[in-house]
N, C-alpha and C. Protein backbone atom coordinates (compact mmCIF):
# COMPACT_ATOMS: atom_id res chain seq x y z
N MET A 1 7.13 -7.54 17.20
CA MET A 1 6.76 -8.74 15.52
C MET A 1 5.77 -9.51 15.25
N GLY A 2 5.79 -9.06 14.31
CA GLY A 2 4.43 -10.53 13.39
C GLY A 2 4.98 -11.51 13.75
N LEU A 3 3.99 -12.33 12.65
CA LEU A 3 3.94 -13.67 13.01
C LEU A 3 4.79 -14.20 11.98
N LEU A 4 5.98 -13.54 11.53
CA LEU A 4 7.27 -13.89 10.59
C LEU A 4 8.66 -12.94 11.03
N GLU A 5 9.72 -13.48 11.02
CA GLU A 5 10.88 -12.75 11.63
C GLU A 5 10.93 -12.04 11.00
N ASP A 6 10.67 -11.50 9.91
CA ASP A 6 11.10 -10.92 8.90
C ASP A 6 10.07 -10.69 8.08
N ASP A 7 9.71 -9.49 7.10
CA ASP A 7 8.25 -9.48 6.49
C ASP A 7 8.78 -9.57 4.79
N THR A 8 10.41 -10.70 4.41
CA THR A 8 10.15 -11.23 2.99
C THR A 8 9.12 -11.73 2.43
N GLU A 9 8.68 -13.02 3.07
CA GLU A 9 7.38 -13.73 2.85
C GLU A 9 6.14 -12.81 2.45
N ILE A 10 5.50 -12.01 3.33
CA ILE A 10 4.72 -11.52 3.16
C ILE A 10 5.18 -10.09 1.70
N ASP A 11 6.05 -9.65 1.95
CA ASP A 11 5.98 -8.80 0.63
C ASP A 11 6.21 -9.72 -0.84
N LYS A 12 6.46 -10.47 -0.49
CA LYS A 12 6.55 -11.51 -1.92
C LYS A 12 5.03 -11.70 -1.73
N ALA A 13 4.41 -12.47 -1.81
CA ALA A 13 3.22 -12.18 -1.61
C ALA A 13 2.16 -11.26 -2.09
N MET A 14 2.67 -9.84 -1.24
CA MET A 14 2.04 -8.76 -2.21
C MET A 14 2.28 -8.81 -3.59
N GLU A 15 3.60 -8.59 -3.70
CA GLU A 15 4.06 -8.60 -5.18
C GLU A 15 4.18 -9.37 -5.86
N GLU A 16 3.27 -10.55 -5.69
CA GLU A 16 2.72 -11.43 -6.32
C GLU A 16 1.51 -11.36 -6.72
N ALA A 17 0.97 -10.62 -5.37
CA ALA A 17 -0.80 -9.97 -6.07
C ALA A 17 -0.59 -9.33 -6.74
N ALA A 18 -0.03 -8.23 -6.45
CA ALA A 18 0.77 -7.12 -7.65
C ALA A 18 0.18 -7.11 -8.71
N SER A 19 0.43 -8.46 -9.08
CA SER A 19 1.11 -9.21 -10.48
C SER A 19 -0.16 -9.56 -11.25
N ILE A 20 -0.66 -10.26 -10.11
CA ILE A 20 -2.01 -10.92 -10.40
C ILE A 20 -3.30 -10.88 -10.45
N ARG A 21 -3.37 -9.55 -9.23
CA ARG A 21 -4.75 -9.04 -9.19
C ARG A 21 -5.05 -7.85 -9.57
N PHE A 22 -6.42 -7.37 -9.19
CA PHE A 22 -6.52 -5.51 -9.55
C PHE A 22 -7.71 -5.21 -8.44
N GLY A 23 -7.84 -4.23 -8.54
CA GLY A 23 -9.10 -4.03 -7.78
C GLY A 23 -9.22 -3.87 -6.18
N PRO A 24 -10.53 -4.15 -6.21
CA PRO A 24 -10.55 -4.54 -4.74
C PRO A 24 -10.11 -5.63 -4.24
N ALA A 25 -10.01 -6.81 -5.24
CA ALA A 25 -9.00 -8.05 -4.84
C ALA A 25 -7.43 -7.86 -4.14
N LEU A 26 -6.51 -6.89 -4.97
CA LEU A 26 -5.12 -6.16 -4.50
C LEU A 26 -5.41 -5.39 -3.10
N ARG A 27 -6.20 -4.94 -3.27
CA ARG A 27 -6.23 -3.66 -2.05
C ARG A 27 -7.14 -5.18 -0.78
N ASP A 28 -7.95 -5.68 -1.04
CA ASP A 28 -7.80 -6.82 0.07
C ASP A 28 -6.49 -7.67 0.49
N THR A 29 -6.33 -7.65 -0.23
CA THR A 29 -5.20 -8.48 0.08
C THR A 29 -4.15 -8.01 0.78
N PHE A 30 -3.87 -7.09 -0.03
CA PHE A 30 -3.05 -5.75 1.35
C PHE A 30 -3.41 -5.74 2.45
N VAL A 31 -4.64 -5.19 3.06
CA VAL A 31 -5.61 -5.05 4.04
C VAL A 31 -5.67 -6.05 4.98
N THR A 32 -4.91 -7.74 4.62
CA THR A 32 -5.38 -9.35 5.15
C THR A 32 -3.66 -9.19 5.33
N LEU A 33 -3.24 -9.34 4.46
CA LEU A 33 -1.61 -8.96 4.93
C LEU A 33 -1.10 -8.61 6.32
N PHE A 34 -1.78 -7.32 5.75
CA PHE A 34 -1.35 -5.83 7.01
C PHE A 34 -2.01 -6.46 8.49
N ILE A 35 -3.12 -7.16 8.74
CA ILE A 35 -3.77 -7.67 9.92
C ILE A 35 -3.49 -8.71 9.75
N TYR A 36 -3.10 -9.80 9.29
CA TYR A 36 -2.90 -10.55 9.77
C TYR A 36 -1.68 -11.48 10.08
N CYS A 37 -0.92 -10.72 9.20
CA CYS A 37 0.31 -11.34 9.28
C CYS A 37 1.41 -10.36 9.70
N ARG A 38 0.94 -9.46 9.99
CA ARG A 38 1.70 -8.00 10.75
C ARG A 38 2.77 -7.84 11.02
N PRO A 39 3.05 -6.98 10.00
CA PRO A 39 4.51 -6.53 9.46
C PRO A 39 5.19 -6.19 10.75
N ALA A 40 6.87 -6.78 10.71
CA ALA A 40 6.76 -5.43 11.14
C ALA A 40 7.98 -4.55 11.84
N ASN A 41 7.47 -3.30 10.17
CA ASN A 41 7.51 -2.37 9.98
C ASN A 41 6.59 -2.12 9.67
N PRO A 42 5.45 -1.61 9.84
CA PRO A 42 3.83 -1.09 8.83
C PRO A 42 4.38 -0.68 8.12
N LEU A 43 4.76 0.58 8.55
CA LEU A 43 5.86 1.48 7.58
C LEU A 43 6.18 1.48 6.24
N HIS A 44 7.16 0.76 6.29
CA HIS A 44 8.03 0.47 5.92
C HIS A 44 6.92 -0.85 4.50
N PHE A 45 6.50 -1.34 5.05
CA PHE A 45 5.54 -2.61 4.43
C PHE A 45 4.73 -1.57 3.31
N TRP A 46 4.20 -0.27 3.82
CA TRP A 46 3.02 0.44 3.10
C TRP A 46 4.08 0.96 2.08
N GLU A 47 5.21 1.58 2.46
CA GLU A 47 6.07 2.17 1.27
C GLU A 47 6.55 1.38 0.25
N THR A 48 6.49 0.44 0.98
CA THR A 48 6.99 -0.40 -0.33
C THR A 48 6.54 -0.78 -1.39
N HIS A 49 4.67 -0.94 -0.79
CA HIS A 49 3.30 -1.42 -2.14
C HIS A 49 2.98 -0.67 -2.32
N GLU A 50 2.77 0.43 -1.91
CA GLU A 50 2.08 2.44 -1.83
C GLU A 50 1.88 2.92 -3.49
N VAL A 51 3.55 2.77 -4.17
CA VAL A 51 3.14 2.82 -5.88
C VAL A 51 1.94 1.67 -6.28
N ALA A 52 2.24 0.50 -6.26
CA ALA A 52 1.15 -0.74 -6.96
C ALA A 52 -0.05 -0.24 -6.51
N LEU A 53 -0.02 -0.17 -5.38
CA LEU A 53 -1.41 0.19 -5.16
C LEU A 53 -2.20 1.47 -5.43
N CYS A 54 -1.14 2.57 -5.84
CA CYS A 54 -2.08 3.68 -6.40
C CYS A 54 -2.08 3.97 -7.98
N MET A 55 -1.41 3.02 -8.34
CA MET A 55 -1.50 2.69 -10.23
C MET A 55 -2.23 2.00 -9.89
N ASN A 56 -2.93 1.06 -9.08
CA ASN A 56 -4.07 0.39 -9.70
C ASN A 56 -5.06 0.74 -9.43
N LEU A 57 -5.44 1.53 -8.12
CA LEU A 57 -6.52 2.37 -8.39
C LEU A 57 -6.23 3.69 -9.26
N MET A 58 -5.55 4.30 -9.70
CA MET A 58 -5.81 5.12 -11.36
C MET A 58 -6.12 4.91 -11.95
N GLN A 59 -5.78 3.73 -12.05
CA GLN A 59 -5.98 1.66 -13.85
C GLN A 59 -7.73 1.47 -13.14
N TRP A 60 -7.81 1.25 -11.70
CA TRP A 60 -9.40 0.70 -11.88
C TRP A 60 -9.94 1.92 -11.90
N ASP A 61 -9.84 3.34 -11.47
CA ASP A 61 -10.69 4.34 -11.60
C ASP A 61 -10.45 5.36 -13.13
N LYS A 62 -9.60 4.79 -13.90
CA LYS A 62 -10.03 5.03 -14.92
C LYS A 62 -9.33 6.91 -15.11
N VAL A 63 -8.03 6.74 -14.14
CA VAL A 63 -7.50 8.28 -14.26
C VAL A 63 -6.54 8.12 -15.15
N SER A 64 -6.76 9.79 -16.09
CA SER A 64 -5.86 9.41 -17.40
C SER A 64 -4.89 10.87 -16.99
N ASN A 65 -5.08 11.98 -16.07
CA ASN A 65 -3.91 12.54 -16.00
C ASN A 65 -3.90 12.29 -14.36
N PRO A 66 -3.15 11.35 -14.09
CA PRO A 66 -2.83 11.51 -12.56
C PRO A 66 -1.99 12.14 -11.58
N SER A 67 -1.48 12.68 -10.20
CA SER A 67 -0.35 14.15 -10.03
C SER A 67 0.81 12.86 -10.08
N PRO A 68 1.63 14.69 -10.11
CA PRO A 68 2.98 14.28 -10.22
C PRO A 68 3.61 13.29 -9.33
N PRO A 69 4.24 12.34 -9.39
CA PRO A 69 5.03 11.28 -8.62
C PRO A 69 5.03 11.29 -6.80
N SER A 70 5.26 12.92 -6.98
CA SER A 70 5.40 13.60 -5.20
C SER A 70 4.34 13.30 -4.34
N ALA A 71 2.80 14.01 -5.56
CA ALA A 71 1.74 13.77 -5.11
C ALA A 71 1.16 12.15 -4.29
N VAL A 72 1.63 11.24 -5.57
CA VAL A 72 1.04 9.83 -5.12
C VAL A 72 1.83 9.34 -3.77
N ALA A 73 2.95 9.38 -3.68
CA ALA A 73 4.09 9.37 -2.62
C ALA A 73 3.44 9.54 -1.82
N THR A 74 2.97 11.02 -1.57
CA THR A 74 2.92 11.34 0.17
C THR A 74 1.38 11.41 0.12
N ALA A 75 0.67 10.78 -0.43
CA ALA A 75 -0.95 10.45 -0.70
C ALA A 75 -1.47 9.84 0.95
N GLY A 76 -0.64 8.78 0.90
CA GLY A 76 -1.63 8.29 2.31
C GLY A 76 -0.64 8.52 3.52
N LYS A 77 -0.29 9.31 3.58
CA LYS A 77 0.66 9.62 4.92
C LYS A 77 0.00 11.30 5.48
N PRO A 78 -0.31 11.01 7.09
CA PRO A 78 -1.66 12.61 7.19
C PRO A 78 -0.36 13.27 7.45
N ARG A 79 -0.78 14.35 7.26
CA ARG A 79 -0.30 15.67 7.09
C ARG A 79 -0.92 16.53 8.88
N LYS A 80 -0.30 16.41 9.31
CA LYS A 80 -0.07 17.33 11.14
C LYS A 80 -0.43 18.76 10.31
N THR A 81 -1.67 19.38 11.08
CA THR A 81 -2.01 21.08 11.26
C THR A 81 -2.41 21.62 11.92
N GLY A 82 -2.09 22.10 12.39
CA GLY A 82 -2.06 22.65 13.89
C GLY A 82 -2.29 22.20 14.53
N ILE A 83 -3.42 21.55 15.21
CA ILE A 83 -3.43 20.97 16.62
C ILE A 83 -3.34 19.23 16.20
N GLY A 84 -4.11 18.76 15.05
CA GLY A 84 -4.64 17.66 15.19
C GLY A 84 -4.35 17.26 13.41
N PHE A 85 -4.54 15.85 13.17
CA PHE A 85 -3.91 15.69 11.89
C PHE A 85 -5.11 16.18 10.62
N ALA A 86 -4.77 16.41 9.36
CA ALA A 86 -5.61 16.95 8.08
C ALA A 86 -6.20 15.51 7.44
């Protein structure tokens, strides 16, 4: 278990950060919360905020033709190919 009983407070912090921060500051906030607050369910924490992070990256990098939503939703998950991960 992380520093808090559940992930409610860090989810709120990340949602607030997504509304006022952009670019590297938003990604730094995500990493800081992930490392120091240690969410109880790290995968759920990522899945909850991955769309905001990916959309922010696309805006930051000025991507005009994003991948289909299914490609964005699976972009951060490792794929098992053969013996190792790709």
